[in-house]
Amino acid sequence: MTTHARRPLRFHIVSILAACVVVATACGTSTPNPTTPLSEDATTPGDPLAGAQMYVGSCSSCHGADLAGVDGLGNALLPSDFVMTQSEADLATLVAVGRPASDPSNSSALDMPPRGGNPNLSDQDLRDIAAYLKGLQ
């Protein structure tokens, strides 16, 4: 039996994880920090069609597939005076940082987690969602 075959499973798992980190770093991939606002680079406008897909995958569980809200989870977003009065950038930033129930502007008295609870949403995804919501108003 070779030395390689005697290594514990833990060694192999750690080796695989280390390799994944090296590859991800080399490729420049990273997961956005869910508690930070959008990057300042907002040169790419939001895409409402892409935003519709992102909305269904990340927002509809609380705000409803029809944007009518879900009792006990999230407010209606259509029609919404709040959404109408916000810029796309402001909406995207709100989704990026979330809104605690203690915020006086929070009319639902429920926490909205940063990035809607989906830390994998990129800044562009948030701009796309904001463009989708603004386009429906």
C-alpha atoms as a PDB file:
ATOM      1  CA  MET A   1       0.000   0.000   0.000  1.00  0.00           C
ATOM      2  CA  THR A   2       1.374   3.420  -0.916  1.00  0.00           C
ATOM      3  CA  THR A   3       1.671   6.363   1.444  1.00  0.00           C
ATOM      4  CA  HIS A   4      -0.918   8.228  -0.630  1.00  0.00           C
ATOM      5  CA  ALA A   5      -3.566   5.567   0.033  1.00  0.00           C
ATOM      6  CA  ARG A   6      -3.045   5.788   3.799  1.00  0.00           C
ATOM      7  CA  ARG A   7      -3.803   9.484   4.067  1.00  0.00           C
ATOM      8  CA  PRO A   8      -7.021  10.177   5.968  1.00  0.00           C
ATOM      9  CA  LEU A   9     -10.100  11.368   4.134  1.00  0.00           C
ATOM     10  CA  ARG A  10      -9.809  14.686   5.964  1.00  0.00           C
ATOM     11  CA  PHE A  11      -6.491  15.349   4.189  1.00  0.00           C
ATOM     12  CA  HIS A  12      -8.101  14.818   0.795  1.00  0.00           C
ATOM     13  CA  ILE A  13     -11.055  17.069   1.600  1.00  0.00           C
ATOM     14  CA  VAL A  14      -8.767  19.858   2.808  1.00  0.00           C
ATOM     15  CA  SER A  15      -6.634  19.475  -0.313  1.00  0.00           C
ATOM     16  CA  ILE A  16      -9.676  19.766  -2.571  1.00  0.00           C
ATOM     17  CA  LEU A  17     -10.957  22.829  -0.708  1.00  0.00           C
ATOM     18  CA  ALA A  18      -7.536  24.483  -0.909  1.00  0.00           C
ATOM     19  CA  ALA A  19      -7.423  23.837  -4.643  1.00  0.00           C
ATOM     20  CA  CYS A  20     -10.876  25.408  -5.044  1.00  0.00           C
ATOM     21  CA  VAL A  21      -9.748  28.534  -3.199  1.00  0.00           C
ATOM     22  CA  VAL A  22      -6.660  28.819  -5.406  1.00  0.00           C
ATOM     23  CA  VAL A  23      -8.726  28.438  -8.588  1.00  0.00           C
ATOM     24  CA  ALA A  24     -11.370  30.935  -7.423  1.00  0.00           C
ATOM     25  CA  THR A  25      -8.684  33.454  -6.495  1.00  0.00           C
ATOM     26  CA  ALA A  26      -6.916  33.005  -9.810  1.00  0.00           C
ATOM     27  CA  CYS A  27     -10.168  33.538 -11.687  1.00  0.00           C
ATOM     28  CA  GLY A  28     -10.973  36.667  -9.733  1.00  0.00           C
ATOM     29  CA  THR A  29     -14.289  35.353  -8.453  1.00  0.00           C
ATOM     30  CA  SER A  30     -15.687  36.461  -5.162  1.00  0.00           C
ATOM     31  CA  THR A  31     -18.936  36.473  -3.315  1.00  0.00           C
ATOM     32  CA  PRO A  32     -20.257  39.976  -2.586  1.00  0.00           C
ATOM     33  CA  ASN A  33     -20.309  40.965   1.052  1.00  0.00           C
ATOM     34  CA  PRO A  34     -24.018  40.906   1.889  1.00  0.00           C
ATOM     35  CA  THR A  35     -23.771  43.816   4.306  1.00  0.00           C
ATOM     36  CA  THR A  36     -22.048  46.347   2.083  1.00  0.00           C
ATOM     37  CA  PRO A  37     -23.812  48.787  -0.217  1.00  0.00           C
ATOM     38  CA  LEU A  38     -23.407  48.723  -3.964  1.00  0.00           C
ATOM     39  CA  SER A  39     -20.066  49.486  -5.504  1.00  0.00           C
ATOM     40  CA  GLU A  40     -19.687  52.976  -6.866  1.00  0.00           C
ATOM     41  CA  ASP A  41     -19.392  51.602 -10.422  1.00  0.00           C
ATOM     42  CA  ALA A  42     -22.972  52.025 -11.551  1.00  0.00           C
ATOM     43  CA  THR A  43     -22.089  52.681 -15.166  1.00  0.00           C
ATOM     44  CA  THR A  44     -23.965  49.617 -16.353  1.00  0.00           C
ATOM     45  CA  PRO A  45     -27.698  50.308 -16.259  1.00  0.00           C
ATOM     46  CA  GLY A  46     -30.134  47.776 -14.926  1.00  0.00           C
ATOM     47  CA  ASP A  47     -31.687  45.271 -17.320  1.00  0.00           C
ATOM     48  CA  PRO A  48     -35.389  44.783 -16.508  1.00  0.00           C
ATOM     49  CA  LEU A  49     -35.583  41.407 -18.292  1.00  0.00           C
ATOM     50  CA  ALA A  50     -32.669  40.019 -16.297  1.00  0.00           C
ATOM     51  CA  GLY A  51     -34.164  41.674 -13.211  1.00  0.00           C
ATOM     52  CA  ALA A  52     -37.441  39.788 -13.700  1.00  0.00           C
ATOM     53  CA  GLN A  53     -35.559  36.494 -13.536  1.00  0.00           C
ATOM     54  CA  MET A  54     -33.539  37.604 -10.495  1.00  0.00           C
ATOM     55  CA  TYR A  55     -36.736  38.816  -8.793  1.00  0.00           C
ATOM     56  CA  VAL A  56     -38.472  35.454  -9.221  1.00  0.00           C
ATOM     57  CA  GLY A  57     -35.451  33.584  -7.892  1.00  0.00           C
ATOM     58  CA  SER A  58     -34.640  35.834  -4.950  1.00  0.00           C
ATOM     59  CA  CYS A  59     -37.502  38.174  -4.046  1.00  0.00           C
ATOM     60  CA  SER A  60     -40.786  36.479  -4.878  1.00  0.00           C
ATOM     61  CA  SER A  61     -40.791  34.236  -1.816  1.00  0.00           C
ATOM     62  CA  CYS A  62     -41.424  37.316   0.352  1.00  0.00           C
ATOM     63  CA  HIS A  63     -42.905  39.827  -2.079  1.00  0.00           C
ATOM     64  CA  GLY A  64     -44.927  37.402  -4.197  1.00  0.00           C
ATOM     65  CA  ALA A  65     -44.495  36.269  -7.791  1.00  0.00           C
ATOM     66  CA  ASP A  66     -47.152  38.837  -8.705  1.00  0.00           C
ATOM     67  CA  LEU A  67     -45.456  41.520  -6.521  1.00  0.00           C
ATOM     68  CA  ALA A  68     -48.609  41.680  -4.378  1.00  0.00           C
ATOM     69  CA  GLY A  69     -46.687  40.834  -1.199  1.00  0.00           C
ATOM     70  CA  VAL A  70     -46.909  37.820   1.074  1.00  0.00           C
ATOM     71  CA  ASP A  71     -48.706  38.207   4.406  1.00  0.00           C
ATOM     72  CA  GLY A  72     -46.219  38.114   7.255  1.00  0.00           C
ATOM     73  CA  LEU A  73     -43.192  38.210   4.942  1.00  0.00           C
ATOM     74  CA  GLY A  74     -43.006  41.207   2.621  1.00  0.00           C
ATOM     75  CA  ASN A  75     -44.886  44.239   1.379  1.00  0.00           C
ATOM     76  CA  ALA A  76     -46.517  44.560  -2.013  1.00  0.00           C
ATOM     77  CA  LEU A  77     -44.215  46.097  -4.601  1.00  0.00           C
ATOM     78  CA  LEU A  78     -46.857  46.748  -7.254  1.00  0.00           C
ATOM     79  CA  PRO A  79     -48.259  49.256  -7.118  1.00  0.00           C
ATOM     80  CA  SER A  80     -45.975  50.893  -4.611  1.00  0.00           C
ATOM     81  CA  ASP A  81     -45.696  54.585  -3.845  1.00  0.00           C
ATOM     82  CA  PHE A  82     -42.346  53.819  -2.222  1.00  0.00           C
ATOM     83  CA  VAL A  83     -40.924  52.146  -5.327  1.00  0.00           C
ATOM     84  CA  MET A  84     -42.302  54.912  -7.535  1.00  0.00           C
ATOM     85  CA  THR A  85     -40.546  57.640  -5.539  1.00  0.00           C
ATOM     86  CA  GLN A  86     -37.138  55.935  -5.426  1.00  0.00           C
ATOM     87  CA  SER A  87     -34.469  56.000  -8.111  1.00  0.00           C
ATOM     88  CA  GLU A  88     -33.184  52.698  -9.469  1.00  0.00           C
ATOM     89  CA  ALA A  89     -29.885  53.328  -7.666  1.00  0.00           C
ATOM     90  CA  ASP A  90     -31.665  53.938  -4.352  1.00  0.00           C
ATOM     91  CA  LEU A  91     -33.757  50.778  -4.737  1.00  0.00           C
ATOM     92  CA  ALA A  92     -30.695  48.693  -5.579  1.00  0.00           C
ATOM     93  CA  THR A  93     -28.874  50.102  -2.552  1.00  0.00           C
ATOM     94  CA  LEU A  94     -31.841  49.352  -0.294  1.00  0.00           C
ATOM     95  CA  VAL A  95     -31.849  45.735  -1.425  1.00  0.00           C
ATOM     96  CA  ALA A  96     -28.059  45.569  -0.996  1.00  0.00           C
ATOM     97  CA  VAL A  97     -28.088  46.701   2.634  1.00  0.00           C
ATOM     98  CA  GLY A  98     -31.557  45.499   3.652  1.00  0.00           C
ATOM     99  CA  ARG A  99     -33.812  47.165   6.173  1.00  0.00           C
ATOM    100  CA  PRO A 100     -34.188  46.148   9.820  1.00  0.00           C
ATOM    101  CA  ALA A 101     -37.623  46.042  11.406  1.00  0.00           C
ATOM    102  CA  SER A 102     -36.472  48.802  13.763  1.00  0.00           C
ATOM    103  CA  ASP A 103     -35.994  51.254  10.869  1.00  0.00           C
ATOM    104  CA  PRO A 104     -38.716  53.922  11.161  1.00  0.00           C
ATOM    105  CA  SER A 105     -39.193  53.749   7.375  1.00  0.00           C
ATOM    106  CA  ASN A 106     -39.938  50.034   7.532  1.00  0.00           C
ATOM    107  CA  SER A 107     -43.733  49.817   7.268  1.00  0.00           C
ATOM    108  CA  SER A 108     -43.845  46.007   7.496  1.00  0.00           C
ATOM    109  CA  ALA A 109     -42.165  45.766  10.926  1.00  0.00           C
ATOM    110  CA  LEU A 110     -40.198  42.815   9.478  1.00  0.00           C
ATOM    111  CA  ASP A 111     -36.482  42.567   8.822  1.00  0.00           C
ATOM    112  CA  MET A 112     -35.485  42.654   5.180  1.00  0.00           C
ATOM    113  CA  PRO A 113     -32.097  40.932   5.059  1.00  0.00           C
ATOM    114  CA  PRO A 114     -29.218  42.376   3.043  1.00  0.00           C
ATOM    115  CA  ARG A 115     -29.365  41.333  -0.605  1.00  0.00           C
ATOM    116  CA  GLY A 116     -32.789  39.864   0.101  1.00  0.00           C
ATOM    117  CA  GLY A 117     -31.114  37.034   1.984  1.00  0.00           C
ATOM    118  CA  ASN A 118     -29.216  35.927  -1.130  1.00  0.00           C
ATOM    119  CA  PRO A 119     -25.526  36.849  -0.735  1.00  0.00           C
ATOM    120  CA  ASN A 120     -24.844  35.589  -4.272  1.00  0.00           C
ATOM    121  CA  LEU A 121     -26.712  38.507  -5.860  1.00  0.00           C
ATOM    122  CA  SER A 122     -24.150  40.720  -7.553  1.00  0.00           C
ATOM    123  CA  ASP A 123     -24.387  44.491  -7.654  1.00  0.00           C
ATOM    124  CA  GLN A 124     -25.495  44.189 -11.285  1.00  0.00           C
ATOM    125  CA  ASP A 125     -28.221  41.714 -10.262  1.00  0.00           C
ATOM    126  CA  LEU A 126     -29.502  44.303  -7.779  1.00  0.00           C
ATOM    127  CA  ARG A 127     -29.488  47.034 -10.427  1.00  0.00           C
ATOM    128  CA  ASP A 128     -31.388  44.662 -12.740  1.00  0.00           C
ATOM    129  CA  ILE A 129     -34.013  43.956 -10.056  1.00  0.00           C
ATOM    130  CA  ALA A 130     -34.413  47.694  -9.407  1.00  0.00           C
ATOM    131  CA  ALA A 131     -34.882  48.338 -13.152  1.00  0.00           C
ATOM    132  CA  TYR A 132     -37.524  45.613 -13.265  1.00  0.00           C
ATOM    133  CA  LEU A 133     -39.430  47.066 -10.303  1.00  0.00           C
ATOM    134  CA  LYS A 134     -39.267  50.630 -11.641  1.00  0.00           C
ATOM    135  CA  GLY A 135     -40.394  49.504 -15.065  1.00  0.00           C
ATOM    136  CA  LEU A 136     -43.571  47.966 -13.658  1.00  0.00           C
ATOM    137  CA  GLN A 137     -44.742  51.036 -11.758  1.00  0.00           C
END
